[in-house]
PDB file of all heavy atoms in Angstrom:
ATOM      1  N   ARG A   1      42.218 -26.568  28.875  1.00  0.00           N
ATOM      2  CA  ARG A   1      41.040 -25.717  28.818  1.00  0.00           C
ATOM      3  C   ARG A   1      41.479 -24.318  28.413  1.00  0.00           C
ATOM      4  O   ARG A   1      42.661 -24.025  28.293  1.00  0.00           O
ATOM      5  CB  ARG A   1      40.341 -25.662  30.184  1.00  0.00           C
ATOM      6  CG  ARG A   1      39.774 -27.010  30.646  1.00  0.00           C
ATOM      7  CD  ARG A   1      38.983 -26.831  31.916  1.00  0.00           C
ATOM      8  NE  ARG A   1      39.818 -26.346  32.997  1.00  0.00           N
ATOM      9  CZ  ARG A   1      39.350 -25.680  34.064  1.00  0.00           C
ATOM     10  NH1 ARG A   1      38.085 -25.396  34.145  1.00  0.00           N
ATOM     11  NH2 ARG A   1      40.170 -25.301  35.027  1.00  0.00           N
ATOM     12  N   GLN A   2      40.489 -23.447  28.261  1.00  0.00           N
ATOM     13  CA  GLN A   2      40.802 -22.066  27.906  1.00  0.00           C
ATOM     14  C   GLN A   2      41.557 -21.400  29.042  1.00  0.00           C
ATOM     15  O   GLN A   2      41.311 -21.657  30.211  1.00  0.00           O
ATOM     16  CB  GLN A   2      39.495 -21.310  27.638  1.00  0.00           C
ATOM     17  CG  GLN A   2      39.710 -19.912  27.083  1.00  0.00           C
ATOM     18  CD  GLN A   2      38.392 -19.196  26.887  1.00  0.00           C
ATOM     19  OE1 GLN A   2      37.594 -19.074  27.798  1.00  0.00           O
ATOM     20  NE2 GLN A   2      38.169 -18.712  25.684  1.00  0.00           N
ATOM     21  N   ASP A   3      42.497 -20.543  28.713  1.00  0.00           N
ATOM     22  CA  ASP A   3      43.248 -19.835  29.731  1.00  0.00           C
ATOM     23  C   ASP A   3      42.325 -18.955  30.556  1.00  0.00           C
ATOM     24  O   ASP A   3      41.236 -18.610  30.121  1.00  0.00           O
ATOM     25  CB  ASP A   3      44.322 -18.960  29.075  1.00  0.00           C
ATOM     26  CG  ASP A   3      45.501 -19.787  28.609  1.00  0.00           C
ATOM     27  OD1 ASP A   3      45.543 -20.981  28.932  1.00  0.00           O
ATOM     28  OD2 ASP A   3      46.369 -19.232  27.924  1.00  0.00           O
ATOM     29  N   PRO A   4      42.757 -18.582  31.767  1.00  0.00           N
ATOM     30  CA  PRO A   4      41.941 -17.690  32.586  1.00  0.00           C
ATOM     31  C   PRO A   4      41.646 -16.382  31.845  1.00  0.00           C
ATOM     32  O   PRO A   4      42.466 -15.899  31.067  1.00  0.00           O
ATOM     33  CB  PRO A   4      42.821 -17.433  33.814  1.00  0.00           C
ATOM     34  CG  PRO A   4      43.773 -18.560  33.849  1.00  0.00           C
ATOM     35  CD  PRO A   4      44.009 -18.958  32.436  1.00  0.00           C
ATOM     36  N   GLU A   5      40.483 -15.829  32.115  1.00  0.00           N
ATOM     37  CA  GLU A   5      40.155 -14.529  31.538  1.00  0.00           C
ATOM     38  C   GLU A   5      40.719 -13.446  32.438  1.00  0.00           C
ATOM     39  O   GLU A   5      40.575 -13.500  33.666  1.00  0.00           O
ATOM     40  CB  GLU A   5      38.645 -14.359  31.396  1.00  0.00           C
ATOM     41  CG  GLU A   5      38.269 -13.037  30.751  1.00  0.00           C
ATOM     42  CD  GLU A   5      36.800 -12.950  30.389  1.00  0.00           C
ATOM     43  OE1 GLU A   5      36.016 -13.746  30.923  1.00  0.00           O
ATOM     44  OE2 GLU A   5      36.445 -12.076  29.583  1.00  0.00           O
ATOM     45  N   ILE A   6      41.377 -12.470  31.851  1.00  0.00           N
ATOM     46  CA  ILE A   6      42.018 -11.405  32.614  1.00  0.00           C
ATOM     47  C   ILE A   6      41.413 -10.068  32.214  1.00  0.00           C
ATOM     48  O   ILE A   6      41.392  -9.707  31.036  1.00  0.00           O
ATOM     49  CB  ILE A   6      43.540 -11.386  32.386  1.00  0.00           C
ATOM     50  CG1 ILE A   6      44.166 -12.710  32.845  1.00  0.00           C
ATOM     51  CG2 ILE A   6      44.173 -10.219  33.133  1.00  0.00           C
ATOM     52  CD1 ILE A   6      45.649 -12.801  32.620  1.00  0.00           C
ATOM     53  N   LEU A   7      40.909  -9.340  33.207  1.00  0.00           N
ATOM     54  CA  LEU A   7      40.394  -7.992  33.002  1.00  0.00           C
ATOM     55  C   LEU A   7      41.392  -7.023  33.620  1.00  0.00           C
ATOM     56  O   LEU A   7      41.939  -7.269  34.691  1.00  0.00           O
ATOM     57  CB  LEU A   7      39.026  -7.820  33.666  1.00  0.00           C
ATOM     58  CG  LEU A   7      37.949  -8.849  33.322  1.00  0.00           C
ATOM     59  CD1 LEU A   7      36.698  -8.572  34.123  1.00  0.00           C
ATOM     60  CD2 LEU A   7      37.637  -8.816  31.839  1.00  0.00           C
ATOM     61  N   LYS A   8      41.620  -5.917  32.937  1.00  0.00           N
ATOM     62  CA  LYS A   8      42.568  -4.938  33.450  1.00  0.00           C
ATOM     63  C   LYS A   8      41.908  -3.568  33.550  1.00  0.00           C
ATOM     64  O   LYS A   8      41.080  -3.202  32.719  1.00  0.00           O
ATOM     65  CB  LYS A   8      43.809  -4.857  32.559  1.00  0.00           C
ATOM     66  CG  LYS A   8      44.721  -6.067  32.657  1.00  0.00           C
ATOM     67  CD  LYS A   8      46.013  -5.843  31.910  1.00  0.00           C
ATOM     68  CE  LYS A   8      46.974  -7.020  32.090  1.00  0.00           C
ATOM     69  NZ  LYS A   8      48.259  -6.782  31.402  1.00  0.00           N
ATOM     70  N   SER A   9      42.322  -2.829  34.585  1.00  0.00           N
ATOM     71  CA  SER A   9      41.867  -1.458  34.717  1.00  0.00           C
ATOM     72  C   SER A   9      42.776  -0.544  33.893  1.00  0.00           C
ATOM     73  O   SER A   9      43.774  -0.990  33.330  1.00  0.00           O
ATOM     74  CB  SER A   9      41.903  -1.032  36.187  1.00  0.00           C
ATOM     75  OG  SER A   9      43.254  -0.892  36.631  1.00  0.00           O
ATOM     76  N   GLN A  10      42.454   0.719  33.856  1.00  0.00           N
ATOM     77  CA  GLN A  10      43.319   1.682  33.197  1.00  0.00           C
ATOM     78  C   GLN A  10      44.556   1.926  34.053  1.00  0.00           C
ATOM     79  O   GLN A  10      44.540   1.744  35.268  1.00  0.00           O
ATOM     80  CB  GLN A  10      42.568   2.998  32.969  1.00  0.00           C
ATOM     81  CG  GLN A  10      41.396   2.881  32.012  1.00  0.00           C
ATOM     82  CD  GLN A  10      40.665   4.202  31.845  1.00  0.00           C
ATOM     83  OE1 GLN A  10      40.715   5.054  32.721  1.00  0.00           O
ATOM     84  NE2 GLN A  10      39.979   4.359  30.727  1.00  0.00           N
ATOM     85  N   VAL A  11      45.654   2.324  33.409  1.00  0.00           N
ATOM     86  CA  VAL A  11      46.867   2.690  34.140  1.00  0.00           C
ATOM     87  C   VAL A  11      46.657   4.075  34.741  1.00  0.00           C
ATOM     88  O   VAL A  11      46.232   5.004  34.051  1.00  0.00           O
ATOM     89  CB  VAL A  11      48.092   2.678  33.217  1.00  0.00           C
ATOM     90  CG1 VAL A  11      49.333   3.147  33.964  1.00  0.00           C
ATOM     91  CG2 VAL A  11      48.316   1.279  32.650  1.00  0.00           C
ATOM     92  N   SER A  12      46.935   4.208  36.024  1.00  0.00           N
ATOM     93  CA  SER A  12      46.730   5.490  36.693  1.00  0.00           C
ATOM     94  C   SER A  12      47.880   5.758  37.655  1.00  0.00           C
ATOM     95  O   SER A  12      48.687   4.870  37.952  1.00  0.00           O
ATOM     96  CB  SER A  12      45.398   5.492  37.462  1.00  0.00           C
ATOM     97  OG  SER A  12      45.387   4.445  38.429  1.00  0.00           O
ATOM     98  N   GLU A  13      47.972   6.980  38.127  1.00  0.00           N
ATOM     99  CA  GLU A  13      49.019   7.343  39.080  1.00  0.00           C
ATOM    100  C   GLU A  13      48.632   6.846  40.469  1.00  0.00           C
ATOM    101  O   GLU A  13      47.493   7.010  40.912  1.00  0.00           O
ATOM    102  CB  GLU A  13      49.238   8.854  39.111  1.00  0.00           C
ATOM    103  CG  GLU A  13      50.376   9.262  40.030  1.00  0.00           C
ATOM    104  CD  GLU A  13      50.643  10.755  40.013  1.00  0.00           C
ATOM    105  OE1 GLU A  13      49.760  11.500  39.541  1.00  0.00           O
ATOM    106  OE2 GLU A  13      51.713  11.182  40.467  1.00  0.00           O
ATOM    107  N   VAL A  14      49.587   6.249  41.147  1.00  0.00           N
ATOM    108  CA  VAL A  14      49.379   5.722  42.495  1.00  0.00           C
ATOM    109  C   VAL A  14      50.452   6.305  43.401  1.00  0.00           C
ATOM    110  O   VAL A  14      51.639   6.240  43.085  1.00  0.00           O
ATOM    111  CB  VAL A  14      49.450   4.175  42.510  1.00  0.00           C
ATOM    112  CG1 VAL A  14      49.397   3.654  43.946  1.00  0.00           C
ATOM    113  CG2 VAL A  14      48.329   3.578  41.685  1.00  0.00           C
ATOM    114  N   VAL A  15      50.027   6.879  44.511  1.00  0.00           N
ATOM    115  CA  VAL A  15      50.957   7.448  45.492  1.00  0.00           C
ATOM    116  C   VAL A  15      50.831   6.672  46.792  1.00  0.00           C
ATOM    117  O   VAL A  15      49.738   6.570  47.366  1.00  0.00           O
ATOM    118  CB  VAL A  15      50.675   8.944  45.739  1.00  0.00           C
ATOM    119  CG1 VAL A  15      51.659   9.493  46.775  1.00  0.00           C
ATOM    120  CG2 VAL A  15      50.773   9.735  44.442  1.00  0.00           C
ATOM    121  N   LEU A  16      51.937   6.105  47.255  1.00  0.00           N
ATOM    122  CA  LEU A  16      51.966   5.355  48.504  1.00  0.00           C
ATOM    123  C   LEU A  16      52.927   6.056  49.462  1.00  0.00           C
ATOM    124  O   LEU A  16      54.100   6.254  49.139  1.00  0.00           O
ATOM    125  CB  LEU A  16      52.427   3.913  48.265  1.00  0.00           C
ATOM    126  CG  LEU A  16      51.518   3.060  47.377  1.00  0.00           C
ATOM    127  CD1 LEU A  16      52.149   1.704  47.124  1.00  0.00           C
ATOM    128  CD2 LEU A  16      50.151   2.884  48.019  1.00  0.00           C
ATOM    129  N   GLU A  17      52.419   6.439  50.626  1.00  0.00           N
ATOM    130  CA  GLU A  17      53.220   7.133  51.631  1.00  0.00           C
ATOM    131  C   GLU A  17      53.227   6.333  52.918  1.00  0.00           C
ATOM    132  O   GLU A  17      52.181   5.863  53.375  1.00  0.00           O
ATOM    133  CB  GLU A  17      52.654   8.537  51.884  1.00  0.00           C
ATOM    134  CG  GLU A  17      52.655   9.432  50.645  1.00  0.00           C
ATOM    135  CD  GLU A  17      52.010  10.780  50.916  1.00  0.00           C
ATOM    136  OE1 GLU A  17      51.303  10.881  51.948  1.00  0.00           O
ATOM    137  OE2 GLU A  17      52.217  11.706  50.129  1.00  0.00           O
ATOM    138  N   LEU A  18      54.395   6.200  53.513  1.00  0.00           N
ATOM    139  CA  LEU A  18      54.493   5.447  54.761  1.00  0.00           C
ATOM    140  C   LEU A  18      53.820   6.181  55.914  1.00  0.00           C
ATOM    141  O   LEU A  18      53.249   5.560  56.815  1.00  0.00           O
ATOM    142  CB  LEU A  18      55.961   5.183  55.095  1.00  0.00           C
ATOM    143  CG  LEU A  18      56.733   4.277  54.115  1.00  0.00           C
ATOM    144  CD1 LEU A  18      58.171   4.108  54.570  1.00  0.00           C
ATOM    145  CD2 LEU A  18      56.045   2.920  53.997  1.00  0.00           C
ATOM    146  N   ASP A  19      53.886   7.521  55.916  1.00  0.00           N
ATOM    147  CA  ASP A  19      53.330   8.304  57.020  1.00  0.00           C
ATOM    148  C   ASP A  19      52.018   8.977  56.651  1.00  0.00           C
ATOM    149  O   ASP A  19      51.474   9.739  57.439  1.00  0.00           O
ATOM    150  CB  ASP A  19      54.338   9.375  57.464  1.00  0.00           C
ATOM    151  CG  ASP A  19      55.644   8.754  57.945  1.00  0.00           C
ATOM    152  OD1 ASP A  19      55.582   7.667  58.540  1.00  0.00           O
ATOM    153  OD2 ASP A  19      56.699   9.360  57.714  1.00  0.00           O
ATOM    154  N   GLY A  20      51.506   8.719  55.454  1.00  0.00           N
ATOM    155  CA  GLY A  20      50.271   9.356  55.025  1.00  0.00           C
ATOM    156  C   GLY A  20      49.079   8.430  55.179  1.00  0.00           C
ATOM    157  O   GLY A  20      49.036   7.570  56.060  1.00  0.00           O
ATOM    158  N   SER A  21      48.124   8.596  54.290  1.00  0.00           N
ATOM    159  CA  SER A  21      46.919   7.773  54.329  1.00  0.00           C
ATOM    160  C   SER A  21      47.281   6.312  54.114  1.00  0.00           C
ATOM    161  O   SER A  21      48.111   5.984  53.271  1.00  0.00           O
ATOM    162  CB  SER A  21      45.937   8.240  53.257  1.00  0.00           C
ATOM    163  OG  SER A  21      44.844   7.348  53.156  1.00  0.00           O
ATOM    164  N   ARG A  22      46.648   5.427  54.872  1.00  0.00           N
ATOM    165  CA  ARG A  22      46.915   4.003  54.736  1.00  0.00           C
ATOM    166  C   ARG A  22      45.885   3.321  53.839  1.00  0.00           C
ATOM    167  O   ARG A  22      45.830   2.096  53.767  1.00  0.00           O
ATOM    168  CB  ARG A  22      46.923   3.330  56.110  1.00  0.00           C
ATOM    169  CG  ARG A  22      47.901   3.945  57.087  1.00  0.00           C
ATOM    170  CD  ARG A  22      49.326   3.841  56.590  1.00  0.00           C
ATOM    171  NE  ARG A  22      49.820   2.478  56.612  1.00  0.00           N
ATOM    172  CZ  ARG A  22      50.976   2.082  56.088  1.00  0.00           C
ATOM    173  NH1 ARG A  22      51.728   2.952  55.446  1.00  0.00           N
ATOM    174  NH2 ARG A  22      51.356   0.831  56.166  1.00  0.00           N
ATOM    175  N   THR A  23      45.058   4.118  53.176  1.00  0.00           N
ATOM    176  CA  THR A  23      44.044   3.564  52.281  1.00  0.00           C
ATOM    177  C   THR A  23      44.312   4.015  50.851  1.00  0.00           C
ATOM    178  O   THR A  23      44.407   5.211  50.581  1.00  0.00           O
ATOM    179  CB  THR A  23      42.631   4.009  52.696  1.00  0.00           C
ATOM    180  OG1 THR A  23      42.377   3.570  54.035  1.00  0.00           O
ATOM    181  CG2 THR A  23      41.586   3.414  51.768  1.00  0.00           C
ATOM    182  N   LEU A  24      44.452   3.055  49.959  1.00  0.00           N
ATOM    183  CA  LEU A  24      44.649   3.328  48.537  1.00  0.00           C
ATOM    184  C   LEU A  24      43.335   3.057  47.813  1.00  0.00           C
ATOM    185  O   LEU A  24      42.752   1.989  47.966  1.00  0.00           O
ATOM    186  CB  LEU A  24      45.753   2.431  47.974  1.00  0.00           C
ATOM    187  CG  LEU A  24      46.003   2.480  46.469  1.00  0.00           C
ATOM    188  CD1 LEU A  24      46.469   3.872  46.047  1.00  0.00           C
ATOM    189  CD2 LEU A  24      47.027   1.430  46.058  1.00  0.00           C
ATOM    190  N   GLU A  25      42.856   4.039  47.058  1.00  0.00           N
ATOM    191  CA  GLU A  25      41.581   3.901  46.353  1.00  0.00           C
ATOM    192  C   GLU A  25      41.824   3.857  44.846  1.00  0.00           C
ATOM    193  O   GLU A  25      42.515   4.715  44.298  1.00  0.00           O
ATOM    194  CB  GLU A  25      40.646   5.056  46.700  1.00  0.00           C
ATOM    195  CG  GLU A  25      40.282   5.133  48.179  1.00  0.00           C
ATOM    196  CD  GLU A  25      39.328   6.272  48.472  1.00  0.00           C
ATOM    197  OE1 GLU A  25      38.986   7.003  47.505  1.00  0.00           O
ATOM    198  OE2 GLU A  25      38.920   6.438  49.636  1.00  0.00           O
ATOM    199  N   ILE A  26      41.258   2.860  44.184  1.00  0.00           N
ATOM    200  CA  ILE A  26      41.391   2.709  42.731  1.00  0.00           C
ATOM    201  C   ILE A  26      40.037   2.303  42.168  1.00  0.00           C
ATOM    202  O   ILE A  26      39.337   1.459  42.747  1.00  0.00           O
ATOM    203  CB  ILE A  26      42.449   1.657  42.352  1.00  0.00           C
ATOM    204  CG1 ILE A  26      43.831   2.057  42.873  1.00  0.00           C
ATOM    205  CG2 ILE A  26      42.497   1.455  40.841  1.00  0.00           C
ATOM    206  CD1 ILE A  26      44.934   1.067  42.536  1.00  0.00           C
ATOM    207  N   THR A  27      39.662   2.890  41.052  1.00  0.00           N
ATOM    208  CA  THR A  27      38.431   2.513  40.356  1.00  0.00           C
ATOM    209  C   THR A  27      38.769   1.531  39.249  1.00  0.00           C
ATOM    210  O   THR A  27      39.678   1.775  38.446  1.00  0.00           O
ATOM    211  CB  THR A  27      37.730   3.749  39.755  1.00  0.00           C
ATOM    212  OG1 THR A  27      37.374   4.636  40.825  1.00  0.00           O
ATOM    213  CG2 THR A  27      36.465   3.343  39.003  1.00  0.00           C
ATOM    214  N   PHE A  28      38.037   0.419  39.214  1.00  0.00           N
ATOM    215  CA  PHE A  28      38.293  -0.632  38.237  1.00  0.00           C
ATOM    216  C   PHE A  28      37.260  -0.532  37.121  1.00  0.00           C
ATOM    217  O   PHE A  28      36.088  -0.855  37.310  1.00  0.00           O
ATOM    218  CB  PHE A  28      38.211  -2.015  38.897  1.00  0.00           C
ATOM    219  CG  PHE A  28      38.789  -3.121  38.061  1.00  0.00           C
ATOM    220  CD1 PHE A  28      40.008  -3.673  38.366  1.00  0.00           C
ATOM    221  CD2 PHE A  28      38.105  -3.605  36.959  1.00  0.00           C
ATOM    222  CE1 PHE A  28      40.549  -4.690  37.592  1.00  0.00           C
ATOM    223  CE2 PHE A  28      38.631  -4.613  36.183  1.00  0.00           C
ATOM    224  CZ  PHE A  28      39.861  -5.165  36.495  1.00  0.00           C
ATOM    225  N   LYS A  29      37.720  -0.078  35.951  1.00  0.00           N
ATOM    226  CA  LYS A  29      36.894  -0.083  34.749  1.00  0.00           C
ATOM    227  C   LYS A  29      37.459  -1.144  33.825  1.00  0.00           C
ATOM    228  O   LYS A  29      38.589  -1.028  33.357  1.00  0.00           O
ATOM    229  CB  LYS A  29      36.889   1.296  34.077  1.00  0.00           C
ATOM    230  CG  LYS A  29      36.213   2.373  34.915  1.00  0.00           C
ATOM    231  CD  LYS A  29      36.167   3.706  34.175  1.00  0.00           C
ATOM    232  CE  LYS A  29      35.452   4.757  35.007  1.00  0.00           C
ATOM    233  NZ  LYS A  29      35.406   6.069  34.302  1.00  0.00           N
ATOM    234  N   ALA A  30      36.685  -2.159  33.560  1.00  0.00           N
ATOM    235  CA  ALA A  30      37.195  -3.362  32.906  1.00  0.00           C
ATOM    236  C   ALA A  30      37.660  -3.095  31.487  1.00  0.00           C
ATOM    237  O   ALA A  30      37.014  -2.397  30.715  1.00  0.00           O
ATOM    238  CB  ALA A  30      36.131  -4.450  32.903  1.00  0.00           C
ATOM    239  N   SER A  31      38.811  -3.651  31.179  1.00  0.00           N
ATOM    240  CA  SER A  31      39.320  -3.698  29.808  1.00  0.00           C
ATOM    241  C   SER A  31      39.701  -5.140  29.547  1.00  0.00           C
ATOM    242  O   SER A  31      40.621  -5.668  30.165  1.00  0.00           O
ATOM    243  CB  SER A  31      40.536  -2.787  29.645  1.00  0.00           C
ATOM    244  OG  SER A  31      41.098  -2.923  28.355  1.00  0.00           O
ATOM    245  N   ARG A  32      38.999  -5.797  28.640  1.00  0.00           N
ATOM    246  CA  ARG A  32      39.146  -7.233  28.441  1.00  0.00           C
ATOM    247  C   ARG A  32      40.371  -7.549  27.613  1.00  0.00           C
ATOM    248  O   ARG A  32      40.638  -6.918  26.596  1.00  0.00           O
ATOM    249  CB  ARG A  32      37.902  -7.769  27.732  1.00  0.00           C
ATOM    250  CG  ARG A  32      37.342  -9.034  28.352  1.00  0.00           C
ATOM    251  CD  ARG A  32      36.005  -9.364  27.752  1.00  0.00           C
ATOM    252  NE  ARG A  32      35.273 -10.317  28.547  1.00  0.00           N
ATOM    253  CZ  ARG A  32      34.010 -10.605  28.345  1.00  0.00           C
ATOM    254  NH1 ARG A  32      33.334 -10.005  27.394  1.00  0.00           N
ATOM    255  NH2 ARG A  32      33.395 -11.485  29.098  1.00  0.00           N
ATOM    256  N   ARG A  33      41.142  -8.559  28.051  1.00  0.00           N
ATOM    257  CA  ARG A  33      42.247  -9.080  27.253  1.00  0.00           C
ATOM    258  C   ARG A  33      41.736 -10.285  26.495  1.00  0.00           C
ATOM    259  O   ARG A  33      41.121 -11.184  27.061  1.00  0.00           O
ATOM    260  CB  ARG A  33      43.417  -9.501  28.154  1.00  0.00           C
ATOM    261  CG  ARG A  33      44.655  -9.895  27.355  1.00  0.00           C
ATOM    262  CD  ARG A  33      45.707 -10.468  28.258  1.00  0.00           C
ATOM    263  NE  ARG A  33      45.434 -11.850  28.607  1.00  0.00           N
ATOM    264  CZ  ARG A  33      46.291 -12.652  29.230  1.00  0.00           C
ATOM    265  NH1 ARG A  33      47.458 -12.202  29.616  1.00  0.00           N
ATOM    266  NH2 ARG A  33      45.975 -13.902  29.518  1.00  0.00           N
ATOM    267  N   ASP A  34      41.997 -10.308  25.195  1.00  0.00           N
ATOM    268  CA  ASP A  34      41.544 -11.436  24.389  1.00  0.00           C
ATOM    269  C   ASP A  34      42.179 -12.721  24.889  1.00  0.00           C
ATOM    270  O   ASP A  34      43.388 -12.772  25.136  1.00  0.00           O
ATOM    271  CB  ASP A  34      41.901 -11.237  22.908  1.00  0.00           C
ATOM    272  CG  ASP A  34      41.149 -10.070  22.298  1.00  0.00           C
ATOM    273  OD1 ASP A  34      40.045  -9.759  22.792  1.00  0.00           O
ATOM    274  OD2 ASP A  34      41.670  -9.461  21.350  1.00  0.00           O
ATOM    275  N   PRO A  35      41.406 -13.789  25.071  1.00  0.00           N
ATOM    276  CA  PRO A  35      41.985 -15.054  25.533  1.00  0.00           C
ATOM    277  C   PRO A  35      42.973 -15.607  24.520  1.00  0.00           C
ATOM    278  O   PRO A  35      42.814 -15.427  23.311  1.00  0.00           O
ATOM    279  CB  PRO A  35      40.765 -15.971  25.671  1.00  0.00           C
ATOM    280  CG  PRO A  35      39.727 -15.375  24.770  1.00  0.00           C
ATOM    281  CD  PRO A  35      39.963 -13.892  24.801  1.00  0.00           C
ATOM    282  N   VAL A  36      43.993 -16.256  25.025  1.00  0.00           N
ATOM    283  CA  VAL A  36      45.013 -16.843  24.158  1.00  0.00           C
ATOM    284  C   VAL A  36      44.437 -18.082  23.479  1.00  0.00           C
ATOM    285  O   VAL A  36      43.906 -18.969  24.133  1.00  0.00           O
ATOM    286  CB  VAL A  36      46.266 -17.219  24.972  1.00  0.00           C
ATOM    287  CG1 VAL A  36      47.287 -17.906  24.078  1.00  0.00           C
ATOM    288  CG2 VAL A  36      46.855 -15.985  25.613  1.00  0.00           C
ATOM    289  N   GLU A  37      44.534 -18.128  22.169  1.00  0.00           N
ATOM    290  CA  GLU A  37      44.040 -19.283  21.431  1.00  0.00           C
ATOM    291  C   GLU A  37      45.102 -20.376  21.415  1.00  0.00           C
ATOM    292  O   GLU A  37      46.299 -20.108  21.346  1.00  0.00           O
ATOM    293  CB  GLU A  37      43.694 -18.880  19.995  1.00  0.00           C
ATOM    294  CG  GLU A  37      42.592 -17.829  19.909  1.00  0.00           C
ATOM    295  CD  GLU A  37      42.351 -17.412  18.467  1.00  0.00           C
ATOM    296  OE1 GLU A  37      43.046 -17.946  17.582  1.00  0.00           O
ATOM    297  OE2 GLU A  37      41.493 -16.563  18.244  1.00  0.00           O
ATOM    298  N   THR A  38      44.664 -21.606  21.465  1.00  0.00           N
ATOM    299  CA  THR A  38      45.618 -22.710  21.390  1.00  0.00           C
ATOM    300  C   THR A  38      46.017 -22.936  19.932  1.00  0.00           C
ATOM    301  O   THR A  38      45.228 -22.716  19.021  1.00  0.00           O
ATOM    302  CB  THR A  38      44.989 -24.005  21.940  1.00  0.00           C
ATOM    303  OG1 THR A  38      43.796 -24.291  21.201  1.00  0.00           O
ATOM    304  CG2 THR A  38      44.637 -23.833  23.405  1.00  0.00           C
ATOM    305  N   PRO A  39      47.242 -23.356  19.694  1.00  0.00           N
ATOM    306  CA  PRO A  39      47.734 -23.498  18.324  1.00  0.00           C
ATOM    307  C   PRO A  39      47.461 -24.866  17.722  1.00  0.00           C
ATOM    308  O   PRO A  39      48.232 -25.343  16.902  1.00  0.00           O
ATOM    309  CB  PRO A  39      49.239 -23.279  18.500  1.00  0.00           C
ATOM    310  CG  PRO A  39      49.520 -23.855  19.844  1.00  0.00           C
ATOM    311  CD  PRO A  39      48.292 -23.585  20.685  1.00  0.00           C
ATOM    312  N   ASP A  40      46.367 -25.528  18.145  1.00  0.00           N
ATOM    313  CA  ASP A  40      46.120 -26.888  17.667  1.00  0.00           C
ATOM    314  C   ASP A  40      46.029 -26.968  16.148  1.00  0.00           C
ATOM    315  O   ASP A  40      46.427 -27.957  15.540  1.00  0.00           O
ATOM    316  CB  ASP A  40      44.822 -27.424  18.285  1.00  0.00           C
ATOM    317  CG  ASP A  40      44.929 -27.549  19.796  1.00  0.00           C
ATOM    318  OD1 ASP A  40      46.074 -27.601  20.291  1.00  0.00           O
ATOM    319  OD2 ASP A  40      43.892 -27.573  20.467  1.00  0.00           O
ATOM    320  N   SER A  41      45.477 -25.931  15.532  1.00  0.00           N
ATOM    321  CA  SER A  41      45.258 -25.974  14.085  1.00  0.00           C
ATOM    322  C   SER A  41      46.425 -25.385  13.308  1.00  0.00           C
ATOM    323  O   SER A  41      46.377 -25.311  12.091  1.00  0.00           O
ATOM    324  CB  SER A  41      43.974 -25.197  13.744  1.00  0.00           C
ATOM    325  OG  SER A  41      44.100 -23.843  14.149  1.00  0.00           O
ATOM    326  N   GLU A  42      47.498 -24.973  13.984  1.00  0.00           N
ATOM    327  CA  GLU A  42      48.628 -24.352  13.312  1.00  0.00           C
ATOM    328  C   GLU A  42      49.673 -25.413  12.997  1.00  0.00           C
ATOM    329  O   GLU A  42      50.131 -26.129  13.893  1.00  0.00           O
ATOM    330  CB  GLU A  42      49.208 -23.240  14.182  1.00  0.00           C
ATOM    331  CG  GLU A  42      48.171 -22.152  14.474  1.00  0.00           C
ATOM    332  CD  GLU A  42      48.762 -21.028  15.305  1.00  0.00           C
ATOM    333  OE1 GLU A  42      49.987 -20.817  15.226  1.00  0.00           O
ATOM    334  OE2 GLU A  42      48.001 -20.363  16.008  1.00  0.00           O
ATOM    335  N   ALA A  43      50.071 -25.470  11.756  1.00  0.00           N
ATOM    336  CA  ALA A  43      50.938 -26.562  11.296  1.00  0.00           C
ATOM    337  C   ALA A  43      52.338 -26.484  11.892  1.00  0.00           C
ATOM    338  O   ALA A  43      52.983 -27.514  12.094  1.00  0.00           O
ATOM    339  CB  ALA A  43      51.012 -26.542   9.772  1.00  0.00           C
ATOM    340  N   HIS A  44      52.817 -25.277  12.158  1.00  0.00           N
ATOM    341  CA  HIS A  44      54.225 -25.138  12.523  1.00  0.00           C
ATOM    342  C   HIS A  44      54.448 -24.831  14.003  1.00  0.00           C
ATOM    343  O   HIS A  44      55.598 -24.736  14.437  1.00  0.00           O
ATOM    344  CB  HIS A  44      54.871 -24.038  11.684  1.00  0.00           C
ATOM    345  CG  HIS A  44      54.756 -24.278  10.204  1.00  0.00           C
ATOM    346  ND1 HIS A  44      55.170 -25.441   9.604  1.00  0.00           N
ATOM    347  CD2 HIS A  44      54.238 -23.503   9.212  1.00  0.00           C
ATOM    348  CE1 HIS A  44      54.936 -25.378   8.299  1.00  0.00           C
ATOM    349  NE2 HIS A  44      54.359 -24.217   8.041  1.00  0.00           N
ATOM    350  N   VAL A  45      53.402 -24.645  14.785  1.00  0.00           N
ATOM    351  CA  VAL A  45      53.547 -24.326  16.209  1.00  0.00           C
ATOM    352  C   VAL A  45      52.914 -25.441  17.026  1.00  0.00           C
ATOM    353  O   VAL A  45      51.753 -25.784  16.831  1.00  0.00           O
ATOM    354  CB  VAL A  45      52.881 -22.974  16.552  1.00  0.00           C
ATOM    355  CG1 VAL A  45      53.053 -22.683  18.042  1.00  0.00           C
ATOM    356  CG2 VAL A  45      53.482 -21.844  15.715  1.00  0.00           C
TER     357      VAL A  45
END
């Protein structure tokens, strides 16, 4: 079947502190990755 669809957010700076805030907040704005096509129709792959 078709491969899973993968959506990615933008790359952003992330700060993780052991003694600081224990909540990490990130906004997800979708960026679609084109699904991988199968090579059924390709003669050499």
